[in-house]
Amino acid sequence: MSSELPDTVVPSGISDPVQLARAELKAALAAIEIKANYPRRIKDASGRIAAKARTIAEKKPVVALTGIVVGSAAVGSAVWGIARAISR
């Protein structure tokens, strides 16, 4: 097997059916692990979002501050709405 291929790809040129089945199973399990590993996916996405936010904050601080204010207002409104719905 070549180390250049991702784990989710079955290498070509395998003639032995047993080895081919093992390679397909390994690729399928790797693909499932990538798709089902939500904590890792969330961590990666939050890292990308944080890096993007830092870039925006450095280039356009007014836009970043506006985003923070709008986001805070949205979260506050949601909490207020939920609390009001529960109290009724």
PDB file of N, CA and C in Angstrom:
ATOM      1  N   MET A   1       0.828  -1.178   0.000  1.00  0.00           N
ATOM      2  CA  MET A   1       0.000   0.000   0.000  1.00  0.00           C
ATOM      3  C   MET A   1       0.874   1.243   0.000  1.00  0.00           C
ATOM      4  N   SER A   2       0.382   2.265  -0.659  1.00  0.00           N
ATOM      5  CA  SER A   2       1.117   3.511  -0.737  1.00  0.00           C
ATOM      6  C   SER A   2       0.702   4.433   0.396  1.00  0.00           C
ATOM      7  N   SER A   3       1.671   5.109   0.984  1.00  0.00           N
ATOM      8  CA  SER A   3       1.366   6.019   2.079  1.00  0.00           C
ATOM      9  C   SER A   3       0.822   7.346   1.553  1.00  0.00           C
ATOM     10  N   GLU A   4       0.834   7.540   0.228  1.00  0.00           N
ATOM     11  CA  GLU A   4       0.335   8.769  -0.366  1.00  0.00           C
ATOM     12  C   GLU A   4      -1.193   8.822  -0.392  1.00  0.00           C
ATOM     13  N   LEU A   5      -1.844   7.668  -0.352  1.00  0.00           N
ATOM     14  CA  LEU A   5      -3.294   7.607  -0.418  1.00  0.00           C
ATOM     15  C   LEU A   5      -3.912   7.891   0.950  1.00  0.00           C
ATOM     16  N   PRO A   6      -5.082   8.544   0.965  1.00  0.00           N
ATOM     17  CA  PRO A   6      -5.781   8.720   2.239  1.00  0.00           C
ATOM     18  C   PRO A   6      -6.265   7.372   2.772  1.00  0.00           C
ATOM     19  N   ASP A   7      -6.599   7.334   4.053  1.00  0.00           N
ATOM     20  CA  ASP A   7      -7.047   6.087   4.664  1.00  0.00           C
ATOM     21  C   ASP A   7      -8.368   5.597   4.096  1.00  0.00           C
ATOM     22  N   THR A   8      -9.157   6.478   3.508  1.00  0.00           N
ATOM     23  CA  THR A   8     -10.482   6.108   3.018  1.00  0.00           C
ATOM     24  C   THR A   8     -10.477   5.617   1.576  1.00  0.00           C
ATOM     25  N   VAL A   9      -9.301   5.472   0.972  1.00  0.00           N
ATOM     26  CA  VAL A   9      -9.200   5.034  -0.423  1.00  0.00           C
ATOM     27  C   VAL A   9      -8.638   3.618  -0.469  1.00  0.00           C
ATOM     28  N   VAL A  10      -9.274   2.775  -1.297  1.00  0.00           N
ATOM     29  CA  VAL A  10      -8.785   1.408  -1.496  1.00  0.00           C
ATOM     30  C   VAL A  10      -7.747   1.456  -2.606  1.00  0.00           C
ATOM     31  N   PRO A  11      -6.520   0.992  -2.323  1.00  0.00           N
ATOM     32  CA  PRO A  11      -5.487   1.023  -3.363  1.00  0.00           C
ATOM     33  C   PRO A  11      -5.831   0.084  -4.516  1.00  0.00           C
ATOM     34  N   SER A  12      -5.466   0.475  -5.704  1.00  0.00           N
ATOM     35  CA  SER A  12      -5.721  -0.367  -6.878  1.00  0.00           C
ATOM     36  C   SER A  12      -4.594  -1.382  -7.032  1.00  0.00           C
ATOM     37  N   GLY A  13      -4.861  -2.414  -7.796  1.00  0.00           N
ATOM     38  CA  GLY A  13      -3.851  -3.415  -8.086  1.00  0.00           C
ATOM     39  C   GLY A  13      -3.829  -4.584  -7.119  1.00  0.00           C
ATOM     40  N   ILE A  14      -4.802  -4.689  -6.225  1.00  0.00           N
ATOM     41  CA  ILE A  14      -4.863  -5.825  -5.309  1.00  0.00           C
ATOM     42  C   ILE A  14      -5.636  -6.933  -6.009  1.00  0.00           C
ATOM     43  N   SER A  15      -4.961  -8.073  -6.238  1.00  0.00           N
ATOM     44  CA  SER A  15      -5.601  -9.170  -6.966  1.00  0.00           C
ATOM     45  C   SER A  15      -6.169 -10.228  -6.028  1.00  0.00           C
ATOM     46  N   ASP A  16      -5.637 -10.336  -4.831  1.00  0.00           N
ATOM     47  CA  ASP A  16      -6.122 -11.315  -3.867  1.00  0.00           C
ATOM     48  C   ASP A  16      -7.453 -10.828  -3.288  1.00  0.00           C
ATOM     49  N   PRO A  17      -8.518 -11.638  -3.415  1.00  0.00           N
ATOM     50  CA  PRO A  17      -9.823 -11.193  -2.921  1.00  0.00           C
ATOM     51  C   PRO A  17      -9.855 -10.950  -1.407  1.00  0.00           C
ATOM     52  N   VAL A  18      -9.088 -11.703  -0.658  1.00  0.00           N
ATOM     53  CA  VAL A  18      -9.059 -11.517   0.792  1.00  0.00           C
ATOM     54  C   VAL A  18      -8.393 -10.187   1.137  1.00  0.00           C
ATOM     55  N   GLN A  19      -7.269  -9.920   0.500  1.00  0.00           N
ATOM     56  CA  GLN A  19      -6.583  -8.647   0.735  1.00  0.00           C
ATOM     57  C   GLN A  19      -7.449  -7.464   0.283  1.00  0.00           C
ATOM     58  N   LEU A  20      -8.165  -7.635  -0.833  1.00  0.00           N
ATOM     59  CA  LEU A  20      -9.047  -6.587  -1.327  1.00  0.00           C
ATOM     60  C   LEU A  20     -10.181  -6.328  -0.329  1.00  0.00           C
ATOM     61  N   ALA A  21     -10.762  -7.410   0.201  1.00  0.00           N
ATOM     62  CA  ALA A  21     -11.841  -7.256   1.185  1.00  0.00           C
ATOM     63  C   ALA A  21     -11.324  -6.561   2.443  1.00  0.00           C
ATOM     64  N   ARG A  22     -10.134  -6.910   2.875  1.00  0.00           N
ATOM     65  CA  ARG A  22      -9.543  -6.246   4.049  1.00  0.00           C
ATOM     66  C   ARG A  22      -9.302  -4.758   3.784  1.00  0.00           C
ATOM     67  N   ALA A  23      -8.797  -4.447   2.593  1.00  0.00           N
ATOM     68  CA  ALA A  23      -8.537  -3.056   2.250  1.00  0.00           C
ATOM     69  C   ALA A  23      -9.841  -2.260   2.168  1.00  0.00           C
ATOM     70  N   GLU A  24     -10.885  -2.874   1.603  1.00  0.00           N
ATOM     71  CA  GLU A  24     -12.186  -2.201   1.526  1.00  0.00           C
ATOM     72  C   GLU A  24     -12.773  -1.983   2.916  1.00  0.00           C
ATOM     73  N   LEU A  25     -12.654  -2.986   3.772  1.00  0.00           N
ATOM     74  CA  LEU A  25     -13.158  -2.854   5.136  1.00  0.00           C
ATOM     75  C   LEU A  25     -12.402  -1.765   5.894  1.00  0.00           C
ATOM     76  N   LYS A  26     -11.088  -1.741   5.739  1.00  0.00           N
ATOM     77  CA  LYS A  26     -10.278  -0.716   6.404  1.00  0.00           C
ATOM     78  C   LYS A  26     -10.673   0.679   5.919  1.00  0.00           C
ATOM     79  N   ALA A  27     -10.878   0.834   4.613  1.00  0.00           N
ATOM     80  CA  ALA A  27     -11.273   2.129   4.063  1.00  0.00           C
ATOM     81  C   ALA A  27     -12.667   2.524   4.549  1.00  0.00           C
ATOM     82  N   ALA A  28     -13.588   1.571   4.592  1.00  0.00           N
ATOM     83  CA  ALA A  28     -14.944   1.869   5.057  1.00  0.00           C
ATOM     84  C   ALA A  28     -14.942   2.273   6.525  1.00  0.00           C
ATOM     85  N   LEU A  29     -14.183   1.570   7.348  1.00  0.00           N
ATOM     86  CA  LEU A  29     -14.109   1.911   8.768  1.00  0.00           C
ATOM     87  C   LEU A  29     -13.455   3.275   8.984  1.00  0.00           C
ATOM     88  N   ALA A  30     -12.459   3.591   8.178  1.00  0.00           N
ATOM     89  CA  ALA A  30     -11.821   4.906   8.290  1.00  0.00           C
ATOM     90  C   ALA A  30     -12.796   6.011   7.905  1.00  0.00           C
ATOM     91  N   ALA A  31     -13.589   5.778   6.866  1.00  0.00           N
ATOM     92  CA  ALA A  31     -14.578   6.776   6.446  1.00  0.00           C
ATOM     93  C   ALA A  31     -15.654   6.960   7.508  1.00  0.00           C
ATOM     94  N   ILE A  32     -16.098   5.870   8.116  1.00  0.00           N
ATOM     95  CA  ILE A  32     -17.099   5.955   9.187  1.00  0.00           C
ATOM     96  C   ILE A  32     -16.527   6.703  10.380  1.00  0.00           C
ATOM     97  N   GLU A  33     -15.293   6.433  10.719  1.00  0.00           N
ATOM     98  CA  GLU A  33     -14.661   7.109  11.865  1.00  0.00           C
ATOM     99  C   GLU A  33     -14.564   8.607  11.625  1.00  0.00           C
ATOM    100  N   ILE A  34     -14.246   8.998  10.402  1.00  0.00           N
ATOM    101  CA  ILE A  34     -14.146  10.424  10.082  1.00  0.00           C
ATOM    102  C   ILE A  34     -15.519  11.081  10.160  1.00  0.00           C
ATOM    103  N   LYS A  35     -16.540  10.414   9.607  1.00  0.00           N
ATOM    104  CA  LYS A  35     -17.889  10.978   9.606  1.00  0.00           C
ATOM    105  C   LYS A  35     -18.513  10.991  10.998  1.00  0.00           C
ATOM    106  N   ALA A  36     -18.266   9.972  11.798  1.00  0.00           N
ATOM    107  CA  ALA A  36     -18.960   9.823  13.081  1.00  0.00           C
ATOM    108  C   ALA A  36     -18.231  10.464  14.256  1.00  0.00           C
ATOM    109  N   ASN A  37     -17.031  10.943  14.061  1.00  0.00           N
ATOM    110  CA  ASN A  37     -16.263  11.522  15.160  1.00  0.00           C
ATOM    111  C   ASN A  37     -16.654  12.993  15.326  1.00  0.00           C
ATOM    112  N   TYR A  38     -17.829  13.219  15.947  1.00  0.00           N
ATOM    113  CA  TYR A  38     -18.352  14.573  16.081  1.00  0.00           C
ATOM    114  C   TYR A  38     -17.486  15.469  16.962  1.00  0.00           C
ATOM    115  N   PRO A  39     -16.939  14.991  18.071  1.00  0.00           N
ATOM    116  CA  PRO A  39     -16.082  15.889  18.849  1.00  0.00           C
ATOM    117  C   PRO A  39     -14.899  16.427  18.046  1.00  0.00           C
ATOM    118  N   ARG A  40     -14.301  15.593  17.237  1.00  0.00           N
ATOM    119  CA  ARG A  40     -13.175  16.036  16.411  1.00  0.00           C
ATOM    120  C   ARG A  40     -13.639  17.026  15.355  1.00  0.00           C
ATOM    121  N   ARG A  41     -14.799  16.744  14.737  1.00  0.00           N
ATOM    122  CA  ARG A  41     -15.320  17.634  13.709  1.00  0.00           C
ATOM    123  C   ARG A  41     -15.679  18.992  14.305  1.00  0.00           C
ATOM    124  N   ILE A  42     -16.266  18.993  15.499  1.00  0.00           N
ATOM    125  CA  ILE A  42     -16.620  20.245  16.163  1.00  0.00           C
ATOM    126  C   ILE A  42     -15.362  21.017  16.525  1.00  0.00           C
ATOM    127  N   LYS A  43     -14.350  20.300  17.022  1.00  0.00           N
ATOM    128  CA  LYS A  43     -13.083  20.953  17.381  1.00  0.00           C
ATOM    129  C   LYS A  43     -12.435  21.584  16.151  1.00  0.00           C
ATOM    130  N   ASP A  44     -12.418  20.864  15.047  1.00  0.00           N
ATOM    131  CA  ASP A  44     -11.825  21.396  13.821  1.00  0.00           C
ATOM    132  C   ASP A  44     -12.600  22.616  13.322  1.00  0.00           C
ATOM    133  N   ALA A  45     -13.939  22.518  13.337  1.00  0.00           N
ATOM    134  CA  ALA A  45     -14.763  23.633  12.860  1.00  0.00           C
ATOM    135  C   ALA A  45     -14.606  24.858  13.755  1.00  0.00           C
ATOM    136  N   SER A  46     -14.566  24.646  15.068  1.00  0.00           N
ATOM    137  CA  SER A  46     -14.420  25.792  15.968  1.00  0.00           C
ATOM    138  C   SER A  46     -13.037  26.436  15.803  1.00  0.00           C
ATOM    139  N   GLY A  47     -12.034  25.643  15.519  1.00  0.00           N
ATOM    140  CA  GLY A  47     -10.707  26.196  15.257  1.00  0.00           C
ATOM    141  C   GLY A  47     -10.688  27.052  14.002  1.00  0.00           C
ATOM    142  N   ARG A  48     -11.376  26.570  12.950  1.00  0.00           N
ATOM    143  CA  ARG A  48     -11.453  27.355  11.717  1.00  0.00           C
ATOM    144  C   ARG A  48     -12.222  28.653  11.938  1.00  0.00           C
ATOM    145  N   ILE A  49     -13.329  28.574  12.682  1.00  0.00           N
ATOM    146  CA  ILE A  49     -14.137  29.767  12.945  1.00  0.00           C
ATOM    147  C   ILE A  49     -13.355  30.766  13.785  1.00  0.00           C
ATOM    148  N   ALA A  50     -12.639  30.274  14.791  1.00  0.00           N
ATOM    149  CA  ALA A  50     -11.850  31.175  15.644  1.00  0.00           C
ATOM    150  C   ALA A  50     -10.755  31.864  14.841  1.00  0.00           C
ATOM    151  N   ALA A  51     -10.099  31.135  13.961  1.00  0.00           N
ATOM    152  CA  ALA A  51      -9.051  31.738  13.134  1.00  0.00           C
ATOM    153  C   ALA A  51      -9.633  32.795  12.197  1.00  0.00           C
ATOM    154  N   LYS A  52     -10.803  32.500  11.637  1.00  0.00           N
ATOM    155  CA  LYS A  52     -11.458  33.459  10.758  1.00  0.00           C
ATOM    156  C   LYS A  52     -11.879  34.707  11.530  1.00  0.00           C
ATOM    157  N   ALA A  53     -12.388  34.508  12.757  1.00  0.00           N
ATOM    158  CA  ALA A  53     -12.800  35.643  13.586  1.00  0.00           C
ATOM    159  C   ALA A  53     -11.600  36.510  13.961  1.00  0.00           C
ATOM    160  N   ARG A  54     -10.473  35.868  14.274  1.00  0.00           N
ATOM    161  CA  ARG A  54      -9.264  36.636  14.596  1.00  0.00           C
ATOM    162  C   ARG A  54      -8.808  37.466  13.402  1.00  0.00           C
ATOM    163  N   THR A  55      -8.871  36.877  12.220  1.00  0.00           N
ATOM    164  CA  THR A  55      -8.477  37.592  11.011  1.00  0.00           C
ATOM    165  C   THR A  55      -9.381  38.799  10.773  1.00  0.00           C
ATOM    166  N   ILE A  56     -10.683  38.605  10.925  1.00  0.00           N
ATOM    167  CA  ILE A  56     -11.625  39.712  10.749  1.00  0.00           C
ATOM    168  C   ILE A  56     -11.394  40.783  11.810  1.00  0.00           C
ATOM    169  N   ALA A  57     -11.154  40.354  13.062  1.00  0.00           N
ATOM    170  CA  ALA A  57     -10.930  41.321  14.146  1.00  0.00           C
ATOM    171  C   ALA A  57      -9.676  42.147  13.905  1.00  0.00           C
ATOM    172  N   GLU A  58      -8.649  41.547  13.312  1.00  0.00           N
ATOM    173  CA  GLU A  58      -7.423  42.295  13.028  1.00  0.00           C
ATOM    174  C   GLU A  58      -7.610  43.263  11.869  1.00  0.00           C
ATOM    175  N   LYS A  59      -8.337  42.827  10.830  1.00  0.00           N
ATOM    176  CA  LYS A  59      -8.502  43.659   9.640  1.00  0.00           C
ATOM    177  C   LYS A  59      -9.596  44.707   9.812  1.00  0.00           C
ATOM    178  N   LYS A  60     -10.715  44.292  10.425  1.00  0.00           N
ATOM    179  CA  LYS A  60     -11.874  45.176  10.552  1.00  0.00           C
ATOM    180  C   LYS A  60     -12.428  45.101  11.974  1.00  0.00           C
ATOM    181  N   PRO A  61     -11.845  45.832  12.911  1.00  0.00           N
ATOM    182  CA  PRO A  61     -12.290  45.737  14.302  1.00  0.00           C
ATOM    183  C   PRO A  61     -13.729  46.204  14.525  1.00  0.00           C
ATOM    184  N   VAL A  62     -14.194  47.169  13.736  1.00  0.00           N
ATOM    185  CA  VAL A  62     -15.578  47.648  13.895  1.00  0.00           C
ATOM    186  C   VAL A  62     -16.565  46.543  13.519  1.00  0.00           C
ATOM    187  N   VAL A  63     -16.271  45.822  12.456  1.00  0.00           N
ATOM    188  CA  VAL A  63     -17.131  44.711  12.039  1.00  0.00           C
ATOM    189  C   VAL A  63     -17.144  43.624  13.112  1.00  0.00           C
ATOM    190  N   ALA A  64     -15.989  43.348  13.687  1.00  0.00           N
ATOM    191  CA  ALA A  64     -15.908  42.335  14.736  1.00  0.00           C
ATOM    192  C   ALA A  64     -16.717  42.752  15.956  1.00  0.00           C
ATOM    193  N   LEU A  65     -16.604  43.994  16.353  1.00  0.00           N
ATOM    194  CA  LEU A  65     -17.358  44.487  17.502  1.00  0.00           C
ATOM    195  C   LEU A  65     -18.856  44.444  17.231  1.00  0.00           C
ATOM    196  N   THR A  66     -19.251  44.808  16.022  1.00  0.00           N
ATOM    197  CA  THR A  66     -20.664  44.737  15.645  1.00  0.00           C
ATOM    198  C   THR A  66     -21.159  43.294  15.702  1.00  0.00           C
ATOM    199  N   GLY A  67     -20.355  42.368  15.234  1.00  0.00           N
ATOM    200  CA  GLY A  67     -20.724  40.953  15.296  1.00  0.00           C
ATOM    201  C   GLY A  67     -20.891  40.471  16.718  1.00  0.00           C
ATOM    202  N   ILE A  68     -20.017  40.923  17.601  1.00  0.00           N
ATOM    203  CA  ILE A  68     -20.116  40.525  19.005  1.00  0.00           C
ATOM    204  C   ILE A  68     -21.398  41.072  19.625  1.00  0.00           C
ATOM    205  N   VAL A  69     -21.718  42.333  19.350  1.00  0.00           N
ATOM    206  CA  VAL A  69     -22.928  42.948  19.902  1.00  0.00           C
ATOM    207  C   VAL A  69     -24.185  42.249  19.367  1.00  0.00           C
ATOM    208  N   VAL A  70     -24.224  42.010  18.070  1.00  0.00           N
ATOM    209  CA  VAL A  70     -25.385  41.354  17.471  1.00  0.00           C
ATOM    210  C   VAL A  70     -25.516  39.917  17.989  1.00  0.00           C
ATOM    211  N   GLY A  71     -24.408  39.205  18.083  1.00  0.00           N
ATOM    212  CA  GLY A  71     -24.443  37.839  18.611  1.00  0.00           C
ATOM    213  C   GLY A  71     -24.907  37.798  20.049  1.00  0.00           C
ATOM    214  N   SER A  72     -24.427  38.728  20.855  1.00  0.00           N
ATOM    215  CA  SER A  72     -24.849  38.790  22.255  1.00  0.00           C
ATOM    216  C   SER A  72     -26.333  39.102  22.367  1.00  0.00           C
ATOM    217  N   ALA A  73     -26.816  40.005  21.533  1.00  0.00           N
ATOM    218  CA  ALA A  73     -28.243  40.338  21.547  1.00  0.00           C
ATOM    219  C   ALA A  73     -29.086  39.138  21.130  1.00  0.00           C
ATOM    220  N   ALA A  74     -28.610  38.390  20.162  1.00  0.00           N
ATOM    221  CA  ALA A  74     -29.352  37.207  19.711  1.00  0.00           C
ATOM    222  C   ALA A  74     -29.413  36.149  20.804  1.00  0.00           C
ATOM    223  N   VAL A  75     -28.286  35.900  21.462  1.00  0.00           N
ATOM    224  CA  VAL A  75     -28.256  34.914  22.545  1.00  0.00           C
ATOM    225  C   VAL A  75     -29.131  35.384  23.706  1.00  0.00           C
ATOM    226  N   GLY A  76     -29.041  36.658  24.057  1.00  0.00           N
ATOM    227  CA  GLY A  76     -29.867  37.191  25.136  1.00  0.00           C
ATOM    228  C   GLY A  76     -31.346  37.091  24.824  1.00  0.00           C
ATOM    229  N   SER A  77     -31.718  37.395  23.596  1.00  0.00           N
ATOM    230  CA  SER A  77     -33.127  37.290  23.195  1.00  0.00           C
ATOM    231  C   SER A  77     -33.609  35.851  23.245  1.00  0.00           C
ATOM    232  N   ALA A  78     -32.765  34.922  22.816  1.00  0.00           N
ATOM    233  CA  ALA A  78     -33.141  33.514  22.849  1.00  0.00           C
ATOM    234  C   ALA A  78     -33.334  33.035  24.283  1.00  0.00           C
ATOM    235  N   VAL A  79     -32.427  33.401  25.166  1.00  0.00           N
ATOM    236  CA  VAL A  79     -32.543  33.005  26.572  1.00  0.00           C
ATOM    237  C   VAL A  79     -33.795  33.623  27.191  1.00  0.00           C
ATOM    238  N   TRP A  80     -34.036  34.892  26.899  1.00  0.00           N
ATOM    239  CA  TRP A  80     -35.220  35.568  27.434  1.00  0.00           C
ATOM    240  C   TRP A  80     -36.489  34.883  26.920  1.00  0.00           C
ATOM    241  N   GLY A  81     -36.528  34.562  25.624  1.00  0.00           N
ATOM    242  CA  GLY A  81     -37.687  33.897  25.059  1.00  0.00           C
ATOM    243  C   GLY A  81     -37.943  32.528  25.657  1.00  0.00           C
ATOM    244  N   ILE A  82     -36.879  31.778  25.875  1.00  0.00           N
ATOM    245  CA  ILE A  82     -37.016  30.441  26.482  1.00  0.00           C
ATOM    246  C   ILE A  82     -37.490  30.573  27.919  1.00  0.00           C
ATOM    247  N   ALA A  83     -36.903  31.504  28.668  1.00  0.00           N
ATOM    248  CA  ALA A  83     -37.303  31.706  30.068  1.00  0.00           C
ATOM    249  C   ALA A  83     -38.758  32.152  30.162  1.00  0.00           C
ATOM    250  N   ARG A  84     -39.164  33.001  29.258  1.00  0.00           N
ATOM    251  CA  ARG A  84     -40.555  33.473  29.283  1.00  0.00           C
ATOM    252  C   ARG A  84     -41.519  32.343  28.927  1.00  0.00           C
ATOM    253  N   ALA A  85     -41.137  31.500  27.956  1.00  0.00           N
ATOM    254  CA  ALA A  85     -41.982  30.378  27.579  1.00  0.00           C
ATOM    255  C   ALA A  85     -42.102  29.365  28.719  1.00  0.00           C
ATOM    256  N   ILE A  86     -41.026  29.158  29.439  1.00  0.00           N
ATOM    257  CA  ILE A  86     -41.049  28.204  30.561  1.00  0.00           C
ATOM    258  C   ILE A  86     -41.893  28.746  31.700  1.00  0.00           C
ATOM    259  N   SER A  87     -41.835  30.061  31.934  1.00  0.00           N
ATOM    260  CA  SER A  87     -42.543  30.633  33.065  1.00  0.00           C
ATOM    261  C   SER A  87     -44.053  30.703  32.858  1.00  0.00           C
ATOM    262  N   ARG A  88     -44.516  30.539  31.657  1.00  0.00           N
ATOM    263  CA  ARG A  88     -45.965  30.596  31.386  1.00  0.00           C
ATOM    264  C   ARG A  88     -46.624  29.290  31.642  1.00  0.00           C
TER     265      ARG A  88
END
